Amino acid sequence: MKKINHSRLAISLTRTVVCTCLLASCNLYEFTPFDIDFEEDEKNIHQKNKMLLSDFSPKNDSIQFIFLTDNQNSFDELDDVVKDISARDDIPFAILGGDITEFGLPEEYRVGLEFFKKMRIPFFSTIGNHDLLGTGIDAFEEMYGPLNDSFTLDSVKFIFYNTNSREFQYDFSVPDIVWLENELQENDSVKASIIFSHVGIKPTDNSIDLRLFPKLDSIISNTPNVLANIHGHGHETEITFPYTNKDIPSIQIDDVIDKNYSIFTISSNLELTWEIIEVE
């Protein structure tokens, strides 16, 4: 059973509710926990962190990054993982695999951001199914950026892809096939690509619209040097090869709830390797 610690969020929300009741009694204004009121330093995280990586230079001709996922509201475990990451000085940036909240509440986004900033490195996030609840879409877009996003670092394209079809009622809009196809078009400045998502792009999880999988498979399998789909959601580590191109893995990483994160390395010859870090 997953251990979820709601203490810090509960204190914050309780304070909010008390203040709301006092103000409401005077008919000053109406407030809900779904209101989004981020400070400037809590907005546009992706754009700001892309700028921080603009002078990136690969170490030993390789790119390394951290991947962590599914912290939801396990703040004690997240704190331990963040402390372990912040003690390192060898990894230049991190990627979050989604479910950075439990209920999509703005206050959850805010509390999570406080932790992620303590890693002391730039970070980027995919959106998880829990993050979409309530006003979560608007909160994510304001705090982080578009649900589908990308940047290129030393000729490797990092793609963040919304695959949460279920939360969009399987209306064929998610995942966005045309957007991915455009992102993976051949480009002389891009030698390889990695697709990050919350729900894995594979035919065994109906959280993604399985009617779209054949087209996704075709796009991914026929694009040169797609290194992997790296994702969370499954709460355990699992490596599969679900695509027609059997050289491309689907890499599912265990969750922060179990105090895990991963370090990925892309070598100069575009070989992708990784290790799982278990925090004591």
Protein backbone atom coordinates (compact mmCIF):
# COMPACT_ATOMS: atom_id res chain seq x y z
CA MET A 1 0.00 0.00 0.00
CA LYS A 2 1.32 3.44 -0.89
CA LYS A 3 2.22 5.63 2.07
CA ILE A 4 0.95 9.15 1.52
CA ASN A 5 1.81 11.92 3.93
CA HIS A 6 -0.63 14.79 3.68
CA SER A 7 0.55 16.68 6.78
CA ARG A 8 2.19 19.71 5.18
CA LEU A 9 -0.51 20.17 2.58
CA ALA A 10 -3.23 19.64 5.20
CA ILE A 11 -1.80 22.38 7.41
CA SER A 12 -1.67 24.78 4.47
CA LEU A 13 -5.19 23.96 3.32
CA THR A 14 -6.55 24.17 6.87
CA ARG A 15 -5.07 27.63 7.21
CA THR A 16 -6.67 28.58 3.90
CA VAL A 17 -10.09 27.25 4.94
CA VAL A 18 -9.98 29.09 8.29
CA CYS A 19 -9.11 32.35 6.56
CA THR A 20 -11.81 31.75 3.99
CA CYS A 21 -14.46 31.22 6.67
CA LEU A 22 -13.48 34.40 8.49
CA LEU A 23 -13.54 36.47 5.33
CA ALA A 24 -16.74 34.91 4.06
CA SER A 25 -18.50 35.84 7.31
CA CYS A 26 -17.79 39.47 6.48
CA ASN A 27 -18.85 38.98 2.85
CA LEU A 28 -15.49 40.32 1.65
CA TYR A 29 -14.99 37.79 -1.14
CA GLU A 30 -15.47 34.17 -2.05
CA PHE A 31 -12.45 31.85 -2.15
CA THR A 32 -11.98 28.22 -3.15
CA PRO A 33 -8.90 25.98 -2.97
CA PHE A 34 -9.05 25.82 -6.77
CA ASP A 35 -8.08 29.49 -7.15
CA ILE A 36 -4.75 29.97 -8.92
CA ASP A 37 -2.68 32.85 -7.58
CA PHE A 38 0.97 32.02 -8.20
CA GLU A 39 3.77 34.50 -7.55
CA GLU A 40 6.03 35.51 -10.45
CA ASP A 41 8.81 33.18 -9.30
CA GLU A 42 6.29 30.31 -9.42
CA LYS A 43 5.42 30.83 -13.09
CA ASN A 44 6.94 29.71 -16.41
CA ILE A 45 9.35 27.26 -14.81
CA HIS A 46 10.13 25.49 -18.08
CA GLN A 47 11.02 28.66 -19.95
CA LYS A 48 13.22 29.92 -17.11
CA ASN A 49 15.01 26.59 -16.78
CA LYS A 50 15.58 26.30 -20.53
CA MET A 51 17.44 29.59 -20.29
CA LEU A 52 19.55 28.23 -17.43
CA LEU A 53 20.65 25.39 -19.72
CA SER A 54 21.44 27.64 -22.67
CA ASP A 55 25.18 27.45 -21.94
CA PHE A 56 25.14 23.71 -21.29
CA SER A 57 28.33 21.85 -22.18
CA PRO A 58 28.33 18.03 -22.03
CA LYS A 59 30.59 16.39 -19.49
CA ASN A 60 32.83 13.66 -20.93
CA ASP A 61 30.89 13.95 -24.21
CA SER A 62 27.73 12.64 -22.53
CA ILE A 63 24.45 14.07 -21.25
CA GLN A 64 23.20 13.01 -17.83
CA PHE A 65 19.90 13.81 -16.19
CA ILE A 66 17.80 12.72 -13.22
CA PHE A 67 14.30 11.30 -13.62
CA LEU A 68 11.86 11.13 -10.70
CA THR A 69 8.14 10.51 -10.81
CA ASP A 70 4.88 10.05 -8.90
CA ASN A 71 5.64 11.87 -5.67
CA GLN A 72 1.97 12.89 -5.34
CA ASN A 73 1.65 14.07 -1.72
CA SER A 74 4.38 11.90 -0.18
CA PHE A 75 6.29 14.89 1.14
CA ASP A 76 8.47 13.00 3.64
CA GLU A 77 9.70 10.67 0.91
CA LEU A 78 10.09 13.54 -1.56
CA ASP A 79 12.14 15.44 0.99
CA ASP A 80 14.54 12.49 1.36
CA VAL A 81 14.89 12.11 -2.41
CA VAL A 82 15.45 15.84 -2.94
CA LYS A 83 18.09 15.95 -0.21
CA ASP A 84 19.94 13.08 -1.90
CA ILE A 85 19.79 14.83 -5.27
CA SER A 86 20.86 18.20 -3.87
CA ALA A 87 23.93 16.58 -2.30
CA ARG A 88 25.18 15.68 -5.78
CA ASP A 89 27.08 18.04 -8.05
CA ASP A 90 27.43 15.82 -11.11
CA ILE A 91 23.99 15.92 -12.78
CA PRO A 92 22.97 19.14 -14.59
CA PHE A 93 19.16 18.86 -14.68
CA ALA A 94 16.13 16.76 -13.69
CA ILE A 95 12.90 15.64 -15.32
CA LEU A 96 9.69 14.96 -13.38
CA GLY A 97 7.45 12.20 -14.70
CA GLY A 98 4.14 13.66 -13.54
CA ASP A 99 1.71 13.14 -10.67
CA ILE A 100 3.51 15.91 -8.84
CA THR A 101 0.16 16.46 -7.09
CA GLU A 102 -2.62 14.22 -5.82
CA PHE A 103 -5.67 16.39 -6.53
CA GLY A 104 -4.41 19.02 -9.00
CA LEU A 105 -4.79 21.77 -6.38
CA PRO A 106 -2.75 24.97 -6.83
CA GLU A 107 -1.47 24.68 -3.26
CA GLU A 108 -0.15 21.19 -4.04
CA TYR A 109 1.67 22.60 -7.06
CA ARG A 110 3.13 25.34 -4.88
CA VAL A 111 4.31 23.01 -2.11
CA GLY A 112 5.81 20.60 -4.64
CA LEU A 113 7.67 23.44 -6.34
CA GLU A 114 9.28 24.39 -3.03
CA PHE A 115 10.75 20.90 -2.82
CA PHE A 116 11.88 20.70 -6.45
CA LYS A 117 13.72 24.01 -6.20
CA LYS A 118 15.80 22.51 -3.39
CA MET A 119 17.39 20.13 -5.92
CA ARG A 120 19.44 23.19 -6.98
CA ILE A 121 19.34 22.23 -10.66
CA PRO A 122 16.96 23.10 -13.52
CA PHE A 123 13.96 20.78 -13.82
CA PHE A 124 11.11 20.08 -16.22
CA SER A 125 7.88 18.10 -15.86
CA THR A 126 5.37 16.10 -17.80
CA ILE A 127 1.78 16.31 -16.59
CA GLY A 128 0.29 13.32 -14.77
CA ASN A 129 -3.31 12.17 -14.58
CA HIS A 130 -3.63 13.38 -10.97
CA ASP A 131 -2.23 16.78 -11.96
CA LEU A 132 -5.16 17.25 -14.37
CA LEU A 133 -7.85 17.14 -11.66
CA GLY A 134 -9.80 20.26 -10.70
CA THR A 135 -8.06 23.33 -12.08
CA GLY A 136 -4.86 21.34 -12.51
CA ILE A 137 -4.49 22.00 -16.24
CA ASP A 138 -4.51 25.77 -15.75
CA ALA A 139 -2.21 25.47 -12.74
CA PHE A 140 0.30 23.34 -14.65
CA GLU A 141 0.30 25.62 -17.68
CA GLU A 142 0.81 28.72 -15.54
CA MET A 143 3.50 27.20 -13.33
CA TYR A 144 5.38 25.02 -15.83
CA GLY A 145 4.23 25.65 -19.40
CA PRO A 146 2.41 23.85 -22.24
CA LEU A 147 1.19 20.29 -21.68
CA ASN A 148 3.21 19.31 -24.76
CA ASP A 149 6.65 20.88 -24.83
CA SER A 150 10.25 20.25 -25.87
CA PHE A 151 13.77 21.60 -25.96
CA THR A 152 17.00 20.52 -27.63
CA LEU A 153 20.23 20.10 -25.71
CA ASP A 154 23.49 19.27 -27.48
CA SER A 155 21.61 17.80 -30.49
CA VAL A 156 19.27 15.67 -28.35
CA LYS A 157 15.59 16.64 -28.28
CA PHE A 158 13.75 16.20 -24.97
CA ILE A 159 10.01 15.88 -25.62
CA PHE A 160 7.36 16.23 -22.89
CA TYR A 161 4.14 14.62 -24.05
CA ASN A 162 0.66 14.57 -22.52
CA THR A 163 -0.58 10.96 -22.78
CA ASN A 164 -3.43 11.11 -20.24
CA SER A 165 -6.25 10.14 -22.62
CA ARG A 166 -8.63 8.99 -19.89
CA GLU A 167 -8.84 12.44 -18.31
CA PHE A 168 -9.81 13.82 -21.73
CA GLN A 169 -12.62 11.26 -22.13
CA TYR A 170 -10.77 9.41 -24.92
CA ASP A 171 -11.85 12.14 -27.35
CA PHE A 172 -8.94 11.47 -29.76
CA SER A 173 -7.25 14.76 -28.83
CA VAL A 174 -4.79 13.20 -26.35
CA PRO A 175 -2.15 12.25 -27.10
CA ASP A 176 -1.80 14.81 -29.87
CA ILE A 177 -0.63 12.76 -32.86
CA VAL A 178 0.01 15.70 -35.18
CA TRP A 179 2.06 17.54 -32.56
CA LEU A 180 4.33 14.53 -31.94
CA GLU A 181 4.74 13.91 -35.66
CA ASN A 182 5.88 17.50 -36.13
CA GLU A 183 8.28 17.28 -33.18
CA LEU A 184 9.91 14.17 -34.60
CA GLN A 185 10.37 15.47 -38.13
CA GLU A 186 13.93 15.15 -39.36
CA ASN A 187 16.08 18.11 -38.42
CA ASP A 188 19.79 18.55 -39.07
CA SER A 189 20.28 20.01 -35.59
CA VAL A 190 18.73 16.98 -33.85
CA LYS A 191 20.61 13.68 -33.72
CA ALA A 192 18.31 11.85 -31.28
CA SER A 193 15.07 12.25 -29.32
CA ILE A 194 13.60 11.01 -26.04
CA ILE A 195 9.88 11.10 -25.31
CA PHE A 196 8.90 11.69 -21.68
CA SER A 197 5.32 11.07 -20.61
CA HIS A 198 3.38 10.12 -17.52
CA VAL A 199 1.37 7.24 -18.97
CA GLY A 200 3.59 5.01 -21.08
CA ILE A 201 3.11 4.86 -24.83
CA LYS A 202 2.40 1.14 -24.99
CA PRO A 203 -0.59 -1.11 -25.76
CA THR A 204 -0.96 -2.51 -22.25
CA ASP A 205 -2.30 0.51 -20.33
CA ASN A 206 -5.72 1.84 -21.25
CA SER A 207 -5.00 5.13 -19.48
CA ILE A 208 -3.78 6.06 -22.97
CA ASP A 209 -6.21 5.77 -25.87
CA LEU A 210 -5.22 2.40 -27.33
CA ARG A 211 -6.98 3.23 -30.59
CA LEU A 212 -4.16 5.71 -31.20
CA PHE A 213 -1.34 3.29 -30.43
CA PRO A 214 -0.83 1.95 -34.00
CA LYS A 215 -0.26 5.48 -35.29
CA LEU A 216 2.01 6.33 -32.35
CA ASP A 217 3.95 3.13 -32.94
CA SER A 218 4.39 4.02 -36.60
CA ILE A 219 5.64 7.52 -35.83
CA ILE A 220 8.05 6.38 -33.12
CA SER A 221 9.33 3.30 -34.94
CA ASN A 222 9.96 5.11 -38.21
CA THR A 223 11.78 8.10 -36.73
CA PRO A 224 15.57 7.66 -36.65
CA ASN A 225 17.20 7.63 -33.22
CA VAL A 226 14.23 7.79 -30.88
CA LEU A 227 16.10 6.51 -27.83
CA ALA A 228 13.15 5.67 -25.55
CA ASN A 229 9.83 6.56 -24.02
CA ILE A 230 10.59 7.23 -20.35
CA HIS A 231 7.57 7.43 -18.05
CA GLY A 232 6.04 6.83 -14.63
CA HIS A 233 2.43 6.03 -13.64
CA GLY A 234 2.95 2.29 -13.02
CA HIS A 235 4.65 2.70 -9.61
CA GLU A 236 7.30 0.10 -10.39
CA THR A 237 10.28 -0.24 -12.69
CA GLU A 238 9.52 -2.12 -15.89
CA ILE A 239 11.33 -2.25 -19.22
CA THR A 240 9.39 -3.38 -22.29
CA PHE A 241 9.82 -3.18 -26.07
CA PRO A 242 6.28 -2.52 -27.35
CA TYR A 243 7.14 -0.90 -30.68
CA THR A 244 7.61 -2.34 -34.14
CA ASN A 245 11.17 -1.04 -33.90
CA LYS A 246 12.45 -3.38 -31.17
CA ASP A 247 15.49 -1.20 -30.51
CA ILE A 248 13.28 1.37 -28.76
CA PRO A 249 12.38 0.62 -25.13
CA SER A 250 9.52 1.82 -22.97
CA ILE A 251 11.18 2.55 -19.62
CA GLN A 252 8.82 2.79 -16.65
CA ILE A 253 10.46 4.08 -13.47
CA ASP A 254 9.42 3.39 -9.87
CA ASP A 255 7.99 6.19 -7.76
CA VAL A 256 9.26 8.72 -5.24
CA ILE A 257 6.78 7.18 -2.81
CA ASP A 258 9.26 4.27 -2.60
CA LYS A 259 12.14 6.78 -2.40
CA ASN A 260 13.51 6.01 -5.85
CA TYR A 261 14.92 8.12 -8.64
CA SER A 262 17.02 7.34 -11.71
CA ILE A 263 20.10 8.70 -13.43
CA PHE A 264 20.15 8.45 -17.22
CA THR A 265 23.21 8.86 -19.42
CA ILE A 266 23.29 9.52 -23.16
CA SER A 267 26.75 8.73 -24.51
CA SER A 268 28.44 10.43 -27.45
CA ASN A 269 27.41 7.51 -29.67
CA LEU A 270 23.76 7.98 -28.56
CA GLU A 271 23.63 4.94 -26.30
CA LEU A 272 21.13 5.34 -23.45
CA THR A 273 21.91 3.76 -20.07
CA TRP A 274 20.44 4.26 -16.61
CA GLU A 275 20.69 3.29 -12.98
CA ILE A 276 18.10 3.25 -10.21
CA ILE A 277 19.00 5.11 -7.02
CA GLU A 278 17.28 3.88 -3.85
CA VAL A 279 17.43 6.44 -1.06
CA GLU A 280 17.82 5.09 2.46
